[in-house]
Amino acid sequence: MTARWPGWTVEFWADRWSEHARSVPGLFTPPAARRPPPAGDRVAALDAVRDEALERWAGPRADRRAQLVAAHPRMVIGTSFPPAVTAQRAALARAVVERSRRAAAAG
């Protein structure tokens, strides 16, 4: 590392989410920080699944990876970013997620 970037150091954080969260305040919430619903609470479990689905798939978002590549063409950027979602597709996804939640509660 020092041969390629003199003066830089590397610290391996592995799965220590607190290190990652502290390095980029407010940019992500580690999965470990989310509280699971109480065991046996079916309604809370259904709500938690619905909320996760809405957060990931039902909100319009720009293609963040493309923005980063454009802003930093020499940076190595991963491919694990969620895909961009148009407002129209987000609305359809929201409707499906909400309909699925109602069906699960009724069943």
C-alpha atoms as a PDB file:
ATOM      1  CA  MET A   1       0.000   0.000   0.000  1.00  0.00           C
ATOM      2  CA  THR A   2       2.712   2.477   0.904  1.00  0.00           C
ATOM      3  CA  ALA A   3       4.456   1.866  -2.446  1.00  0.00           C
ATOM      4  CA  ARG A   4       1.312   2.835  -4.353  1.00  0.00           C
ATOM      5  CA  TRP A   5       0.101   5.642  -2.069  1.00  0.00           C
ATOM      6  CA  PRO A   6       2.958   7.027   0.051  1.00  0.00           C
ATOM      7  CA  GLY A   7       1.777   8.344   3.390  1.00  0.00           C
ATOM      8  CA  TRP A   8      -1.465   6.359   3.358  1.00  0.00           C
ATOM      9  CA  THR A   9      -2.330   3.657   5.839  1.00  0.00           C
ATOM     10  CA  VAL A  10      -4.915   0.924   5.696  1.00  0.00           C
ATOM     11  CA  GLU A  11      -6.867  -0.423   8.607  1.00  0.00           C
ATOM     12  CA  PHE A  12      -8.946  -3.568   8.136  1.00  0.00           C
ATOM     13  CA  TRP A  13     -12.320  -3.110   9.841  1.00  0.00           C
ATOM     14  CA  ALA A  14     -13.871  -6.442   8.863  1.00  0.00           C
ATOM     15  CA  ASP A  15     -17.431  -6.498  10.193  1.00  0.00           C
ATOM     16  CA  ARG A  16     -16.994  -3.802  12.821  1.00  0.00           C
ATOM     17  CA  TRP A  17     -20.001  -1.728  11.720  1.00  0.00           C
ATOM     18  CA  SER A  18     -19.263   0.962  14.264  1.00  0.00           C
ATOM     19  CA  GLU A  19     -16.032   1.804  12.414  1.00  0.00           C
ATOM     20  CA  HIS A  20     -17.813   2.048   9.069  1.00  0.00           C
ATOM     21  CA  ALA A  21     -20.654   4.134  10.494  1.00  0.00           C
ATOM     22  CA  ARG A  22     -18.262   6.481  12.281  1.00  0.00           C
ATOM     23  CA  SER A  23     -16.248   7.066   9.078  1.00  0.00           C
ATOM     24  CA  VAL A  24     -19.321   8.233   7.098  1.00  0.00           C
ATOM     25  CA  PRO A  25     -21.796   9.725   9.597  1.00  0.00           C
ATOM     26  CA  GLY A  26     -25.402   9.577   8.445  1.00  0.00           C
ATOM     27  CA  LEU A  27     -24.773   7.747   5.155  1.00  0.00           C
ATOM     28  CA  PHE A  28     -26.010   4.308   6.161  1.00  0.00           C
ATOM     29  CA  THR A  29     -27.545   2.370   8.976  1.00  0.00           C
ATOM     30  CA  PRO A  30     -25.856  -0.962   9.553  1.00  0.00           C
ATOM     31  CA  PRO A  31     -28.279  -3.913   9.597  1.00  0.00           C
ATOM     32  CA  ALA A  32     -27.166  -4.731  13.137  1.00  0.00           C
ATOM     33  CA  ALA A  33     -28.602  -1.393  14.314  1.00  0.00           C
ATOM     34  CA  ARG A  34     -32.122  -2.289  13.200  1.00  0.00           C
ATOM     35  CA  ARG A  35     -34.208  -3.941  15.851  1.00  0.00           C
ATOM     36  CA  PRO A  36     -36.152  -7.043  14.863  1.00  0.00           C
ATOM     37  CA  PRO A  37     -39.810  -7.231  15.881  1.00  0.00           C
ATOM     38  CA  PRO A  38     -40.588  -9.114  19.086  1.00  0.00           C
ATOM     39  CA  ALA A  39     -40.852 -12.878  18.625  1.00  0.00           C
ATOM     40  CA  GLY A  40     -44.425 -13.970  18.031  1.00  0.00           C
ATOM     41  CA  ASP A  41     -45.644 -10.507  16.981  1.00  0.00           C
ATOM     42  CA  ARG A  42     -46.955 -11.341  13.493  1.00  0.00           C
ATOM     43  CA  VAL A  43     -48.226  -7.824  12.755  1.00  0.00           C
ATOM     44  CA  ALA A  44     -44.912  -6.234  13.722  1.00  0.00           C
ATOM     45  CA  ALA A  45     -43.031  -8.796  11.592  1.00  0.00           C
ATOM     46  CA  LEU A  46     -45.248  -8.062   8.567  1.00  0.00           C
ATOM     47  CA  ASP A  47     -44.758  -4.336   9.101  1.00  0.00           C
ATOM     48  CA  ALA A  48     -40.979  -4.776   9.335  1.00  0.00           C
ATOM     49  CA  VAL A  49     -40.867  -6.725   6.053  1.00  0.00           C
ATOM     50  CA  ARG A  50     -43.083  -4.119   4.376  1.00  0.00           C
ATOM     51  CA  ASP A  51     -40.926  -1.253   5.641  1.00  0.00           C
ATOM     52  CA  GLU A  52     -37.717  -2.916   4.397  1.00  0.00           C
ATOM     53  CA  ALA A  53     -39.266  -3.536   0.968  1.00  0.00           C
ATOM     54  CA  LEU A  54     -40.523   0.038   0.719  1.00  0.00           C
ATOM     55  CA  GLU A  55     -37.143   1.417   1.734  1.00  0.00           C
ATOM     56  CA  ARG A  56     -35.281  -0.636  -0.861  1.00  0.00           C
ATOM     57  CA  TRP A  57     -37.638  -0.759  -3.837  1.00  0.00           C
ATOM     58  CA  ALA A  58     -40.438   1.770  -3.619  1.00  0.00           C
ATOM     59  CA  GLY A  59     -38.653   5.110  -3.449  1.00  0.00           C
ATOM     60  CA  PRO A  60     -37.420   6.879  -6.577  1.00  0.00           C
ATOM     61  CA  ARG A  61     -33.656   7.220  -6.514  1.00  0.00           C
ATOM     62  CA  ALA A  62     -30.983   8.270  -8.916  1.00  0.00           C
ATOM     63  CA  ASP A  63     -28.326   5.902 -10.144  1.00  0.00           C
ATOM     64  CA  ARG A  64     -25.820   6.692  -7.381  1.00  0.00           C
ATOM     65  CA  ARG A  65     -23.133   4.449  -8.843  1.00  0.00           C
ATOM     66  CA  ALA A  66     -23.231   6.290 -12.192  1.00  0.00           C
ATOM     67  CA  GLN A  67     -22.960   9.602 -10.331  1.00  0.00           C
ATOM     68  CA  LEU A  68     -19.891   8.390  -8.426  1.00  0.00           C
ATOM     69  CA  VAL A  69     -18.217   7.011 -11.560  1.00  0.00           C
ATOM     70  CA  ALA A  70     -18.807  10.328 -13.360  1.00  0.00           C
ATOM     71  CA  ALA A  71     -17.474  12.354 -10.427  1.00  0.00           C
ATOM     72  CA  HIS A  72     -14.477  10.088  -9.746  1.00  0.00           C
ATOM     73  CA  PRO A  73     -13.499   8.346 -13.004  1.00  0.00           C
ATOM     74  CA  ARG A  74     -10.283   6.845 -11.584  1.00  0.00           C
ATOM     75  CA  MET A  75     -11.839   5.532  -8.360  1.00  0.00           C
ATOM     76  CA  VAL A  76     -12.641   1.835  -8.063  1.00  0.00           C
ATOM     77  CA  ILE A  77     -16.351   1.724  -7.319  1.00  0.00           C
ATOM     78  CA  GLY A  78     -18.265  -1.460  -6.510  1.00  0.00           C
ATOM     79  CA  THR A  79     -21.334  -2.758  -8.280  1.00  0.00           C
ATOM     80  CA  SER A  80     -23.523  -3.513  -5.261  1.00  0.00           C
ATOM     81  CA  PHE A  81     -25.527  -0.287  -5.422  1.00  0.00           C
ATOM     82  CA  PRO A  82     -29.295  -0.801  -5.802  1.00  0.00           C
ATOM     83  CA  PRO A  83     -30.539  -0.054  -9.315  1.00  0.00           C
ATOM     84  CA  ALA A  84     -32.009   3.319 -10.174  1.00  0.00           C
ATOM     85  CA  VAL A  85     -35.797   3.391  -9.879  1.00  0.00           C
ATOM     86  CA  THR A  86     -38.014   5.782 -11.813  1.00  0.00           C
ATOM     87  CA  ALA A  87     -40.900   7.517 -10.044  1.00  0.00           C
ATOM     88  CA  GLN A  88     -43.388   5.454 -12.068  1.00  0.00           C
ATOM     89  CA  ARG A  89     -41.752   2.130 -11.154  1.00  0.00           C
ATOM     90  CA  ALA A  90     -41.445   3.247  -7.537  1.00  0.00           C
ATOM     91  CA  ALA A  91     -45.193   3.914  -7.426  1.00  0.00           C
ATOM     92  CA  LEU A  92     -45.901   0.449  -8.866  1.00  0.00           C
ATOM     93  CA  ALA A  93     -43.507  -1.163  -6.389  1.00  0.00           C
ATOM     94  CA  ARG A  94     -45.137   0.690  -3.493  1.00  0.00           C
ATOM     95  CA  ALA A  95     -48.591  -0.551  -4.567  1.00  0.00           C
ATOM     96  CA  VAL A  96     -47.364  -4.168  -4.804  1.00  0.00           C
ATOM     97  CA  VAL A  97     -45.645  -4.018  -1.420  1.00  0.00           C
ATOM     98  CA  GLU A  98     -48.720  -2.520   0.283  1.00  0.00           C
ATOM     99  CA  ARG A  99     -51.072  -5.023  -1.409  1.00  0.00           C
ATOM    100  CA  SER A 100     -48.816  -7.911  -0.361  1.00  0.00           C
ATOM    101  CA  ARG A 101     -48.785  -6.660   3.250  1.00  0.00           C
ATOM    102  CA  ARG A 102     -52.607  -6.512   3.335  1.00  0.00           C
ATOM    103  CA  ALA A 103     -52.901  -9.998   1.798  1.00  0.00           C
ATOM    104  CA  ALA A 104     -50.436 -11.461   4.316  1.00  0.00           C
ATOM    105  CA  ALA A 105     -52.336  -9.897   7.214  1.00  0.00           C
ATOM    106  CA  ALA A 106     -55.640 -11.282   5.953  1.00  0.00           C
ATOM    107  CA  GLY A 107     -54.226 -14.802   5.434  1.00  0.00           C
END
